[in-house]
Amino acid sequence: MKSLSLFLHLSSALGSTTPSLNQRSRNDSCAAVSTVHLQTGAKCACSKLATSYPDFMIFPGSANYTTQVTDYWDVRADLDPACIFLPTSADQVADAVSVFTTCQAQFAVRGGGHMNYPGSNNINGGVLLAFNHMTDYQVHNDTIDVTPGMTWYNVYSALEPYGRAAIGGRLKTIGVPGLTLIGGVSYFINKYGFAMDNVVSYDVVLGNGTQVIANATSNPDLFWALKGGANNFGTVTKFTLKTYSMPHISTTIQQFNESAVYDFITATCNLVLADSETTVAGGSVLDITYNVTTGDVAPLLLGVQEGISNPPSMFTNFTAIPGVSKTNNVTTSKQWASNLDSPKQMFRVLFGMHAMYPDPNVLYTMYQTWKSAIDTIADVEGLYPTFVLNISPASAARVAQTNGIGNVWGLDDEPLIWWQFSTGWANAEDDLRVEACIHQLTEHLHGINKQNGLARDFIYMGDAGEWQDPFAGFPAENVQRMREIRGKYDPLGTFSRLNWGGFKLGV
């Protein structure tokens, strides 16, 4: 989870198969090609797509190319694709994937553009499939159909007239597909589970261009695998999401200084323990920022709770801590999200995270170690370090355990803290230095926690560093099942060999 304290200041507020091309010819032509060559594949795919969809193609040197290749949160994700295709329908996506497979063209897929390491949603020299033009939705009684160009703010805006909310991202411009496919942390996981637990159906384009439905009765194995399995099986062109009656939410913004850090961490641990048994949906963003120039340390709570409670009752432990400022409000999901922007192109950004059983004394020692480590790179220009504390209550895991579907994570029902280092900086020449510091620090602290029996193996893709392997923390039987499902639905390896960005299962 990205640090939100800076963003607050910047905002000045708070079953059927419907292939669109001949399937036999696709498979025959794909089977004939066994090697992948970046330049040759891209040239082939760009040419074919430009012939079929000239109005939806962007090439280097054209007016909108720079805008598209910098439509990312992390500056490090700015790469140079050979061409960009912006489809407007699932059929066009299917055609494109078929072309990629036929041409053996390497490609990337971009939803909201928030996955924060190079290659996860952009590509040098290959083809970028960008969903900017797929922003259709349809609201039903207790679900909403969402296409992959939608942000969570778009979803909350669509649902506000109906007094309903979906279980989705905590920032305005995070995209629906990326967050949902990696699992998805929202404010309301304690009662409703993760975003993936609230998808009732996916429309999926497979590696040969075939379109399928994945839900509890149609392709149920694929349905399960997409719940946290990321971009290993196909590309989703429609998500059908559960919605919940939530005409109002209660919010709190509480800022503290360094003298409150220990109490802030203790309140966080108490929150995840209490949250594991609550029947009220609510959650938080909790982080500690360190200004290396001024020496200021600033813990921040953003708390959200369903219904009307002013101040929100879930956060009384924080309210009791003397703070710099505290603001409570009753609002809507749309209005709350409208002030929580995450400006793109501000930083080069590196994440690193691990999970642990909550222990305030250990976490406080980790905070002190982190602060000292940051001091060793304090001369890095634009350095913006944040210590993030995401809570994962036991009740969040129980949703998947009791809904008859499950998800690929296989979390035990125990309260956890997902601690994360989110580090921003300005210049490419400091990449290796920052990466070495954060990588070593993250794994050093995790190693100590393992020795003390506090560490857990789970790694959340949305907060992970690019060196980390989230699948190593899943149950081994789940990973094996995922590989079998991948082999069944993508036997040509389109989403393993050609769409190589993001966290991949491996062989």
Protein backbone atom coordinates (compact mmCIF):
# COMPACT_ATOMS: atom_id res chain seq x y z
CA MET A 1 0.00 0.00 0.00
CA LYS A 2 1.39 3.38 -0.95
CA SER A 3 1.91 6.02 1.67
CA LEU A 4 -1.05 8.39 1.79
CA SER A 5 0.24 11.21 3.97
CA LEU A 6 1.84 13.00 1.01
CA PHE A 7 -1.22 12.38 -1.15
CA LEU A 8 -3.44 14.02 1.49
CA HIS A 9 -1.31 17.15 1.47
CA LEU A 10 -1.23 17.25 -2.31
CA SER A 11 -4.98 16.93 -2.59
CA SER A 12 -5.46 19.72 -0.09
CA ALA A 13 -8.06 17.58 1.62
CA LEU A 14 -8.78 14.53 2.40
CA GLY A 15 -19.35 -20.95 -19.85
CA SER A 16 -19.88 -20.03 -23.53
CA THR A 17 -16.98 -19.86 -25.96
CA THR A 18 -17.18 -17.01 -28.46
CA PRO A 19 -13.96 -16.78 -30.44
CA SER A 20 -13.85 -13.82 -32.79
CA LEU A 21 -11.48 -15.47 -35.26
CA ASN A 22 -11.30 -18.99 -36.65
CA GLN A 23 -10.02 -21.14 -33.79
CA ARG A 24 -8.41 -23.83 -35.91
CA SER A 25 -6.29 -21.41 -37.86
CA ARG A 26 -5.14 -19.78 -34.63
CA ASN A 27 -3.96 -22.97 -33.03
CA ASP A 28 -2.29 -24.26 -36.17
CA SER A 29 -0.34 -21.07 -36.73
CA CYS A 30 0.66 -20.81 -33.07
CA ALA A 31 1.88 -24.39 -32.92
CA ALA A 32 4.18 -23.73 -35.86
CA VAL A 33 6.13 -21.07 -33.96
CA SER A 34 8.34 -22.24 -31.11
CA THR A 35 10.72 -19.35 -30.53
CA VAL A 36 10.24 -15.81 -29.27
CA HIS A 37 12.09 -12.86 -30.82
CA LEU A 38 11.19 -9.47 -29.36
CA GLN A 39 11.68 -7.27 -32.42
CA THR A 40 10.31 -9.72 -34.98
CA GLY A 41 7.25 -10.56 -32.89
CA ALA A 42 6.44 -6.95 -32.16
CA LYS A 43 6.77 -5.93 -35.80
CA CYS A 44 4.41 -8.71 -36.83
CA ALA A 45 1.82 -7.92 -34.15
CA CYS A 46 1.92 -4.15 -34.59
CA SER A 47 1.46 -4.53 -38.35
CA LYS A 48 -1.50 -6.91 -38.03
CA LEU A 49 -3.24 -4.80 -35.38
CA ALA A 50 -2.67 -1.60 -37.35
CA THR A 51 -4.29 -3.20 -40.39
CA SER A 52 -7.37 -4.27 -38.43
CA TYR A 53 -7.66 -1.37 -35.97
CA PRO A 54 -5.81 1.68 -37.30
CA ASP A 55 -7.78 4.10 -35.12
CA PHE A 56 -6.81 2.30 -31.91
CA MET A 57 -3.06 2.11 -32.47
CA ILE A 58 -0.34 4.45 -31.19
CA PHE A 59 3.25 4.31 -32.40
CA PRO A 60 6.45 6.02 -31.19
CA GLY A 61 6.59 9.61 -32.33
CA SER A 62 2.80 10.06 -32.49
CA ALA A 63 1.02 12.70 -30.44
CA ASN A 64 -0.27 10.50 -27.62
CA TYR A 65 2.64 8.09 -27.31
CA THR A 66 4.42 9.89 -24.48
CA THR A 67 1.16 10.30 -22.55
CA GLN A 68 0.50 6.57 -22.75
CA VAL A 69 3.98 5.35 -21.86
CA THR A 70 4.05 7.57 -18.77
CA ASP A 71 0.54 6.71 -17.57
CA TYR A 72 2.05 4.97 -14.54
CA TRP A 73 2.40 5.64 -10.85
CA ASP A 74 6.05 4.60 -10.61
CA VAL A 75 8.50 6.46 -12.86
CA ARG A 76 10.50 3.23 -13.15
CA ALA A 77 7.58 1.71 -15.09
CA ASP A 78 8.05 4.20 -17.96
CA LEU A 79 9.23 2.03 -20.84
CA ASP A 80 9.09 2.19 -24.64
CA PRO A 81 6.76 -0.31 -26.35
CA ALA A 82 6.98 -0.78 -30.11
CA CYS A 83 3.27 0.06 -30.36
CA ILE A 84 0.25 0.53 -28.14
CA PHE A 85 -3.18 -0.99 -28.77
CA LEU A 86 -6.21 0.50 -27.02
CA PRO A 87 -9.16 -1.86 -27.59
CA THR A 88 -12.77 -0.88 -26.98
CA SER A 89 -14.32 -4.34 -26.64
CA ALA A 90 -13.66 -7.87 -25.46
CA ASP A 91 -13.70 -9.08 -29.06
CA GLN A 92 -10.89 -6.69 -29.92
CA VAL A 93 -8.91 -7.91 -26.91
CA ALA A 94 -9.43 -11.49 -28.09
CA ASP A 95 -8.21 -10.58 -31.56
CA ALA A 96 -5.15 -8.90 -30.09
CA VAL A 97 -4.21 -11.85 -27.88
CA SER A 98 -4.62 -14.16 -30.87
CA VAL A 99 -2.28 -11.92 -32.86
CA PHE A 100 0.27 -11.92 -30.05
CA THR A 101 0.24 -15.70 -29.97
CA THR A 102 0.37 -16.06 -33.73
CA CYS A 103 3.25 -13.60 -34.01
CA GLN A 104 4.93 -14.82 -30.83
CA ALA A 105 4.96 -11.19 -29.77
CA GLN A 106 5.90 -10.23 -26.24
CA PHE A 107 3.30 -7.95 -24.70
CA ALA A 108 2.22 -6.17 -21.53
CA VAL A 109 -1.27 -5.42 -20.23
CA ARG A 110 -2.15 -2.23 -18.34
CA GLY A 111 -5.23 -1.53 -16.27
CA GLY A 112 -4.72 1.29 -13.79
CA GLY A 113 -0.93 1.35 -14.07
CA HIS A 114 -0.21 1.08 -10.33
CA MET A 115 1.87 -2.10 -10.13
CA ASN A 116 5.14 -0.47 -9.30
CA TYR A 117 8.06 -2.24 -10.86
CA PRO A 118 9.43 -2.20 -14.40
CA GLY A 119 7.82 -4.69 -16.73
CA SER A 120 4.79 -5.49 -14.62
CA ASN A 121 2.47 -3.48 -16.88
CA ASN A 122 4.67 -1.99 -19.58
CA ILE A 123 7.33 -3.32 -21.93
CA ASN A 124 10.37 -2.20 -23.87
CA GLY A 125 10.13 -3.10 -27.53
CA GLY A 126 7.01 -5.24 -27.29
CA VAL A 127 3.29 -4.43 -27.54
CA LEU A 128 1.35 -2.63 -24.82
CA LEU A 129 -2.32 -3.57 -24.52
CA ALA A 130 -3.90 -0.68 -22.60
CA PHE A 131 -7.48 -0.65 -21.33
CA ASN A 132 -8.06 3.13 -21.24
CA HIS A 133 -11.04 2.89 -23.62
CA MET A 134 -12.82 0.03 -21.84
CA THR A 135 -14.74 1.87 -19.13
CA ASP A 136 -18.25 0.46 -19.43
CA TYR A 137 -20.24 -0.76 -16.45
CA GLN A 138 -23.72 -2.01 -15.61
CA VAL A 139 -25.31 -1.89 -12.17
CA HIS A 140 -27.60 -4.74 -11.10
CA ASN A 141 -29.50 -5.31 -7.84
CA ASP A 142 -26.53 -6.59 -5.84
CA THR A 143 -23.71 -6.73 -8.39
CA ILE A 144 -21.96 -4.49 -10.88
CA ASP A 145 -20.34 -5.48 -14.19
CA VAL A 146 -17.03 -3.65 -14.61
CA THR A 147 -14.70 -3.51 -17.60
CA PRO A 148 -10.92 -3.36 -17.01
CA GLY A 149 -10.36 0.30 -17.82
CA MET A 150 -12.30 1.31 -14.70
CA THR A 151 -10.64 2.71 -11.60
CA TRP A 152 -12.11 2.10 -8.17
CA TYR A 153 -13.21 5.72 -8.04
CA ASN A 154 -15.21 5.05 -11.23
CA VAL A 155 -16.82 2.06 -9.51
CA TYR A 156 -17.68 3.98 -6.35
CA SER A 157 -19.09 6.82 -8.45
CA ALA A 158 -21.27 4.40 -10.44
CA LEU A 159 -22.67 2.86 -7.26
CA GLU A 160 -23.25 6.02 -5.21
CA PRO A 161 -26.72 6.79 -6.66
CA TYR A 162 -27.81 3.33 -5.48
CA GLY A 163 -26.40 3.69 -1.98
CA ARG A 164 -24.12 0.71 -2.53
CA ALA A 165 -20.40 0.01 -2.43
CA ALA A 166 -17.98 -2.58 -3.80
CA ILE A 167 -15.00 -4.10 -2.02
CA GLY A 168 -12.12 -2.41 -3.78
CA GLY A 169 -9.10 -0.15 -3.65
CA ARG A 170 -8.32 2.47 -1.04
CA LEU A 171 -6.94 5.02 -3.51
CA LYS A 172 -8.80 6.98 -6.17
CA THR A 173 -6.89 5.93 -9.28
CA ILE A 174 -6.04 2.29 -8.58
CA GLY A 175 -7.39 0.12 -11.39
CA VAL A 176 -9.93 -2.65 -10.97
CA PRO A 177 -8.09 -5.49 -12.77
CA GLY A 178 -4.69 -5.32 -11.10
CA LEU A 179 -6.00 -5.02 -7.56
CA THR A 180 -8.68 -7.67 -7.99
CA LEU A 181 -6.46 -10.28 -9.64
CA ILE A 182 -3.71 -10.05 -6.99
CA GLY A 183 -6.23 -10.34 -4.14
CA GLY A 184 -7.20 -6.81 -3.29
CA VAL A 185 -7.07 -5.02 0.07
CA SER A 186 -9.99 -2.72 0.89
CA TYR A 187 -11.23 -0.97 4.01
CA PHE A 188 -13.81 -3.69 4.58
CA ILE A 189 -11.85 -6.96 4.43
CA ASN A 190 -12.64 -7.76 8.07
CA LYS A 191 -16.30 -8.43 7.21
CA TYR A 192 -16.44 -9.03 3.46
CA GLY A 193 -13.02 -10.49 2.67
CA PHE A 194 -10.64 -9.33 -0.04
CA ALA A 195 -11.63 -7.93 -3.44
CA MET A 196 -11.07 -11.35 -5.05
CA ASP A 197 -13.57 -12.91 -2.63
CA ASN A 198 -16.25 -10.58 -3.97
CA VAL A 199 -15.97 -11.44 -7.67
CA VAL A 200 -18.88 -13.62 -8.81
CA SER A 201 -17.80 -13.97 -12.44
CA TYR A 202 -14.94 -13.18 -14.82
CA ASP A 203 -15.02 -12.82 -18.61
CA VAL A 204 -11.61 -14.08 -19.71
CA VAL A 205 -9.64 -14.06 -22.94
CA LEU A 206 -7.38 -17.10 -23.01
CA GLY A 207 -3.98 -17.35 -24.68
CA ASN A 208 -5.39 -18.65 -27.99
CA GLY A 209 -7.92 -15.79 -28.21
CA THR A 210 -10.86 -17.84 -26.95
CA GLN A 211 -13.33 -16.05 -24.68
CA VAL A 212 -14.71 -17.94 -21.69
CA ILE A 213 -16.76 -17.28 -18.58
CA ALA A 214 -15.32 -18.31 -15.22
CA ASN A 215 -17.67 -18.53 -12.26
CA ALA A 216 -18.88 -21.05 -9.69
CA THR A 217 -20.58 -23.22 -12.34
CA SER A 218 -18.67 -22.47 -15.57
CA ASN A 219 -14.95 -23.26 -15.55
CA PRO A 220 -14.90 -23.28 -11.73
CA ASP A 221 -11.23 -24.27 -11.59
CA LEU A 222 -10.25 -21.15 -13.53
CA PHE A 223 -12.63 -19.15 -11.33
CA TRP A 224 -10.70 -20.25 -8.25
CA ALA A 225 -7.29 -19.66 -9.83
CA LEU A 226 -8.14 -16.07 -10.76
CA LYS A 227 -8.83 -15.31 -7.10
CA GLY A 228 -5.33 -14.10 -6.28
CA GLY A 229 -3.48 -15.87 -9.11
CA ALA A 230 -2.65 -12.63 -10.98
CA ASN A 231 -1.99 -12.58 -14.75
CA ASN A 232 -1.03 -16.23 -15.20
CA PHE A 233 -4.12 -17.59 -16.96
CA GLY A 234 -5.57 -15.00 -19.34
CA THR A 235 -6.70 -11.40 -19.44
CA VAL A 236 -10.02 -10.43 -17.89
CA THR A 237 -12.36 -8.23 -19.92
CA LYS A 238 -15.20 -8.05 -17.40
CA PHE A 239 -15.50 -8.47 -13.64
CA THR A 240 -18.89 -9.03 -12.02
CA LEU A 241 -18.54 -7.80 -8.44
CA LYS A 242 -20.75 -8.12 -5.40
CA THR A 243 -22.06 -4.87 -3.99
CA TYR A 244 -23.32 -4.03 -0.51
CA SER A 245 -25.78 -1.52 0.87
CA MET A 246 -23.55 1.26 2.20
CA PRO A 247 -25.10 4.69 1.66
CA HIS A 248 -22.78 6.24 4.26
CA ILE A 249 -19.37 5.62 5.72
CA SER A 250 -17.75 7.17 8.79
CA THR A 251 -14.16 8.34 8.45
CA THR A 252 -11.32 9.61 10.58
CA ILE A 253 -7.99 11.18 9.67
CA GLN A 254 -5.55 11.29 12.57
CA GLN A 255 -2.00 12.58 12.39
CA PHE A 256 0.62 12.23 15.12
CA ASN A 257 4.25 13.10 15.82
CA GLU A 258 7.21 10.91 16.74
CA SER A 259 6.39 10.81 20.45
CA ALA A 260 3.27 8.82 19.56
CA VAL A 261 4.97 6.11 17.46
CA TYR A 262 4.98 3.37 20.11
CA ASP A 263 1.36 4.02 21.09
CA PHE A 264 0.41 4.18 17.41
CA ILE A 265 1.99 0.77 16.76
CA THR A 266 0.35 -0.67 19.88
CA ALA A 267 -3.06 0.63 18.78
CA THR A 268 -2.46 -0.98 15.38
CA CYS A 269 -1.77 -4.37 16.94
CA ASN A 270 -4.83 -4.04 19.16
CA LEU A 271 -6.92 -3.09 16.14
CA VAL A 272 -6.06 -6.21 14.13
CA LEU A 273 -6.72 -8.41 17.18
CA ALA A 274 -10.10 -6.78 17.90
CA ASP A 275 -10.96 -6.51 14.21
CA SER A 276 -10.73 -10.29 13.90
CA GLU A 277 -14.00 -10.67 15.81
CA THR A 278 -15.96 -7.53 14.91
CA THR A 279 -19.21 -7.57 12.94
CA VAL A 280 -18.76 -3.96 11.78
CA ALA A 281 -17.07 -3.53 8.42
CA GLY A 282 -14.18 -1.14 8.66
CA GLY A 283 -10.49 -0.78 8.14
CA SER A 284 -7.60 1.58 7.78
CA VAL A 285 -4.47 2.83 6.15
CA LEU A 286 -1.69 3.09 8.74
CA ASP A 287 1.77 4.43 7.96
CA ILE A 288 4.72 6.28 9.44
CA THR A 289 6.61 8.71 7.23
CA TYR A 290 10.11 9.99 7.94
CA ASN A 291 11.30 13.32 6.57
CA VAL A 292 15.07 12.89 6.38
CA THR A 293 15.56 16.62 5.77
CA THR A 294 13.70 17.91 8.83
CA GLY A 295 13.90 14.78 10.97
CA ASP A 296 10.14 14.80 11.44
CA VAL A 297 8.32 11.49 11.90
CA ALA A 298 4.58 11.45 11.18
CA PRO A 299 2.31 8.48 11.94
CA LEU A 300 -0.99 8.68 10.07
CA LEU A 301 -4.31 6.86 10.40
CA LEU A 302 -6.98 6.89 7.72
CA GLY A 303 -9.92 5.01 9.21
CA VAL A 304 -13.15 4.04 7.46
CA GLN A 305 -16.20 2.29 8.91
CA GLU A 306 -19.53 1.38 7.33
CA GLY A 307 -22.60 3.25 8.58
CA ILE A 308 -22.90 6.38 10.69
CA SER A 309 -20.64 6.68 13.73
CA ASN A 310 -19.05 10.04 14.42
CA PRO A 311 -16.31 9.51 15.44
CA PRO A 312 -15.94 5.97 14.05
CA SER A 313 -16.13 3.58 16.98
CA MET A 314 -13.49 1.15 15.66
CA PHE A 315 -10.64 3.62 16.15
CA THR A 316 -11.06 4.71 19.78
CA ASN A 317 -7.58 3.38 20.65
CA PHE A 318 -6.10 5.88 18.20
CA THR A 319 -8.39 8.70 19.25
CA ALA A 320 -7.09 8.30 22.81
CA ILE A 321 -3.51 9.05 21.68
CA PRO A 322 -2.59 12.76 21.73
CA GLY A 323 -2.18 13.85 18.14
CA VAL A 324 -1.38 16.73 15.84
CA SER A 325 -4.78 16.76 14.13
CA LYS A 326 -7.94 14.64 14.08
CA THR A 327 -10.81 15.00 11.64
CA ASN A 328 -13.97 12.89 11.67
CA ASN A 329 -16.69 12.87 9.03
CA VAL A 330 -19.71 11.01 7.69
CA THR A 331 -19.60 10.77 3.91
CA THR A 332 -19.85 8.35 0.97
CA SER A 333 -17.31 6.03 -0.62
CA LYS A 334 -17.17 8.26 -3.68
CA GLN A 335 -16.57 11.46 -1.74
CA TRP A 336 -13.95 9.86 0.49
CA ALA A 337 -12.06 8.38 -2.46
CA SER A 338 -12.18 11.65 -4.39
CA ASN A 339 -9.59 13.17 -2.02
CA LEU A 340 -7.28 10.15 -1.92
CA ASP A 341 -5.37 10.57 -5.13
CA SER A 342 -2.06 8.92 -5.87
CA PRO A 343 -0.29 11.30 -8.27
CA LYS A 344 1.51 9.53 -11.05
CA GLN A 345 5.09 10.19 -12.10
CA MET A 346 6.14 11.68 -8.75
CA PHE A 347 8.72 9.10 -7.71
CA ARG A 348 10.76 6.10 -8.49
CA VAL A 349 9.23 3.67 -5.98
CA LEU A 350 10.35 0.43 -4.37
CA PHE A 351 8.28 -1.83 -2.13
CA GLY A 352 9.24 -4.67 0.17
CA MET A 353 7.03 -6.48 2.67
CA HIS A 354 6.52 -9.47 4.93
CA ALA A 355 3.84 -10.74 7.29
CA MET A 356 4.07 -11.31 11.04
CA TYR A 357 1.98 -11.97 14.09
CA PRO A 358 1.29 -8.61 15.81
CA ASP A 359 3.80 -7.72 18.51
CA PRO A 360 4.09 -4.01 19.34
CA ASN A 361 7.52 -4.23 20.98
CA VAL A 362 9.05 -6.04 18.01
CA LEU A 363 7.40 -3.68 15.53
CA TYR A 364 8.70 -0.68 17.42
CA THR A 365 12.22 -2.10 17.28
CA MET A 366 11.73 -2.66 13.54
CA TYR A 367 10.67 0.96 13.18
CA GLN A 368 13.82 2.12 14.96
CA THR A 369 16.01 -0.12 12.77
CA TRP A 370 14.28 1.15 9.62
CA LYS A 371 14.78 4.78 10.63
CA SER A 372 18.49 4.19 11.26
CA ALA A 373 18.86 2.40 7.89
CA ILE A 374 17.17 5.28 6.08
CA ASP A 375 19.67 7.67 7.65
CA THR A 376 22.44 5.86 5.74
CA ILE A 377 20.88 6.91 2.42
CA ALA A 378 19.54 10.27 3.59
CA ASP A 379 21.52 12.12 0.92
CA VAL A 380 19.54 10.43 -1.89
CA GLU A 381 17.67 13.15 -3.74
CA GLY A 382 13.91 13.15 -3.27
CA LEU A 383 14.02 10.37 -0.66
CA TYR A 384 10.53 9.64 0.67
CA PRO A 385 10.51 6.64 3.04
CA THR A 386 7.38 5.18 4.62
CA PHE A 387 6.83 2.34 7.08
CA VAL A 388 3.39 0.89 6.30
CA LEU A 389 1.35 -1.31 8.65
CA ASN A 390 -1.45 -3.13 6.86
CA ILE A 391 -3.70 -5.23 9.04
CA SER A 392 -5.06 -8.61 7.97
CA PRO A 393 -7.59 -9.75 10.57
CA ALA A 394 -8.47 -13.40 11.03
CA SER A 395 -12.02 -12.68 9.91
CA ALA A 396 -10.76 -11.66 6.45
CA ALA A 397 -9.34 -15.13 5.87
CA ARG A 398 -12.50 -16.81 7.16
CA VAL A 399 -14.56 -15.41 4.28
CA ALA A 400 -12.73 -17.59 1.75
CA GLN A 401 -12.81 -20.54 4.11
CA THR A 402 -16.61 -20.44 4.40
CA ASN A 403 -17.89 -19.23 1.01
CA GLY A 404 -17.54 -22.57 -0.78
CA ILE A 405 -15.01 -21.20 -3.29
CA GLY A 406 -11.88 -20.15 -1.46
CA ASN A 407 -8.91 -18.43 -3.05
CA VAL A 408 -5.34 -19.31 -3.94
CA TRP A 409 -3.83 -17.68 -0.85
CA GLY A 410 -5.04 -20.30 1.63
CA LEU A 411 -4.49 -17.97 4.60
CA ASP A 412 -4.93 -19.33 8.10
CA ASP A 413 -7.50 -17.51 10.21
CA GLU A 414 -5.07 -15.63 12.41
CA PRO A 415 -4.49 -11.89 12.81
CA LEU A 416 -1.48 -10.59 10.90
CA ILE A 417 0.42 -7.38 10.32
CA TRP A 418 1.66 -6.98 6.76
CA TRP A 419 4.58 -4.61 7.33
CA GLN A 420 5.94 -2.84 4.30
CA PHE A 421 8.67 -0.40 3.35
CA SER A 422 7.56 1.99 0.60
CA THR A 423 10.47 4.11 -0.57
CA GLY A 424 10.39 6.90 -3.13
CA TRP A 425 13.34 8.73 -4.68
CA ALA A 426 14.10 10.97 -7.64
CA ASN A 427 16.95 9.76 -9.84
CA ALA A 428 17.89 6.59 -11.70
CA GLU A 429 21.50 6.83 -10.57
CA ASP A 430 20.34 6.03 -7.03
CA ASP A 431 18.36 2.92 -8.03
CA LEU A 432 20.93 0.33 -7.00
CA ARG A 433 21.73 2.06 -3.74
CA VAL A 434 18.10 2.36 -2.63
CA GLU A 435 17.24 -1.13 -3.82
CA ALA A 436 20.17 -2.68 -1.95
CA CYS A 437 19.31 -0.87 1.27
CA ILE A 438 15.61 -1.77 1.26
CA HIS A 439 16.12 -5.33 0.02
CA GLN A 440 18.70 -6.10 2.70
CA LEU A 441 16.75 -4.37 5.46
CA THR A 442 13.48 -6.12 4.59
CA GLU A 443 14.97 -9.60 4.56
CA HIS A 444 17.14 -8.96 7.63
CA LEU A 445 14.13 -8.01 9.75
CA HIS A 446 12.09 -10.89 8.37
CA GLY A 447 14.92 -13.27 9.29
CA ILE A 448 14.90 -12.03 12.88
CA ASN A 449 11.13 -12.48 13.05
CA LYS A 450 11.50 -16.02 11.73
CA GLN A 451 13.99 -16.83 14.48
CA ASN A 452 11.52 -15.52 17.05
CA GLY A 453 8.56 -17.42 15.61
CA LEU A 454 6.66 -14.28 14.63
CA ALA A 455 7.18 -14.32 10.86
CA ARG A 456 4.74 -15.77 8.37
CA ASP A 457 5.54 -16.80 4.80
CA PHE A 458 2.70 -14.92 3.09
CA ILE A 459 3.68 -12.07 0.74
CA TYR A 460 1.02 -9.82 -0.77
CA MET A 461 1.74 -9.05 -4.42
CA GLY A 462 0.44 -5.50 -4.14
CA ASP A 463 3.05 -4.60 -1.52
CA ALA A 464 5.91 -6.89 -2.58
CA GLY A 465 9.33 -6.01 -3.90
CA GLU A 466 10.24 -7.29 -7.34
CA TRP A 467 12.83 -9.61 -5.80
CA GLN A 468 10.17 -11.39 -3.72
CA ASP A 469 8.22 -14.53 -4.65
CA PRO A 470 4.61 -14.36 -3.40
CA PHE A 471 3.85 -17.89 -4.61
CA ALA A 472 6.43 -19.31 -2.20
CA GLY A 473 4.09 -18.26 0.62
CA PHE A 474 1.01 -19.99 -0.81
CA PRO A 475 0.21 -23.58 0.20
CA ALA A 476 2.27 -25.89 -2.02
CA GLU A 477 -0.83 -27.81 -3.11
CA ASN A 478 -2.46 -24.55 -4.25
CA VAL A 479 0.55 -23.64 -6.36
CA GLN A 480 0.59 -27.07 -7.96
CA ARG A 481 -3.13 -26.82 -8.71
CA MET A 482 -2.61 -23.38 -10.23
CA ARG A 483 0.09 -24.75 -12.53
CA GLU A 484 -2.23 -27.53 -13.66
CA ILE A 485 -4.99 -25.01 -14.35
CA ARG A 486 -2.56 -22.82 -16.26
CA GLY A 487 -1.56 -25.81 -18.37
CA LYS A 488 -5.21 -26.57 -19.10
CA TYR A 489 -6.28 -23.05 -20.09
CA ASP A 490 -3.04 -21.73 -21.59
CA PRO A 491 -1.23 -24.75 -23.03
CA LEU A 492 0.59 -22.54 -25.54
CA GLY A 493 2.14 -20.52 -22.72
CA THR A 494 0.95 -17.14 -24.00
CA PHE A 495 0.71 -15.71 -20.48
CA SER A 496 3.93 -17.36 -19.34
CA ARG A 497 6.35 -16.78 -22.24
CA LEU A 498 4.91 -13.74 -24.00
CA ASN A 499 3.19 -11.78 -21.23
CA TRP A 500 6.08 -12.12 -18.81
CA GLY A 501 5.53 -9.08 -16.58
CA GLY A 502 4.17 -9.28 -13.06
CA PHE A 503 4.47 -12.18 -10.64
CA LYS A 504 4.58 -15.45 -12.56
CA LEU A 505 4.11 -19.01 -11.36
CA GLY A 506 7.24 -20.36 -13.02
CA VAL A 507 7.62 -23.96 -14.13
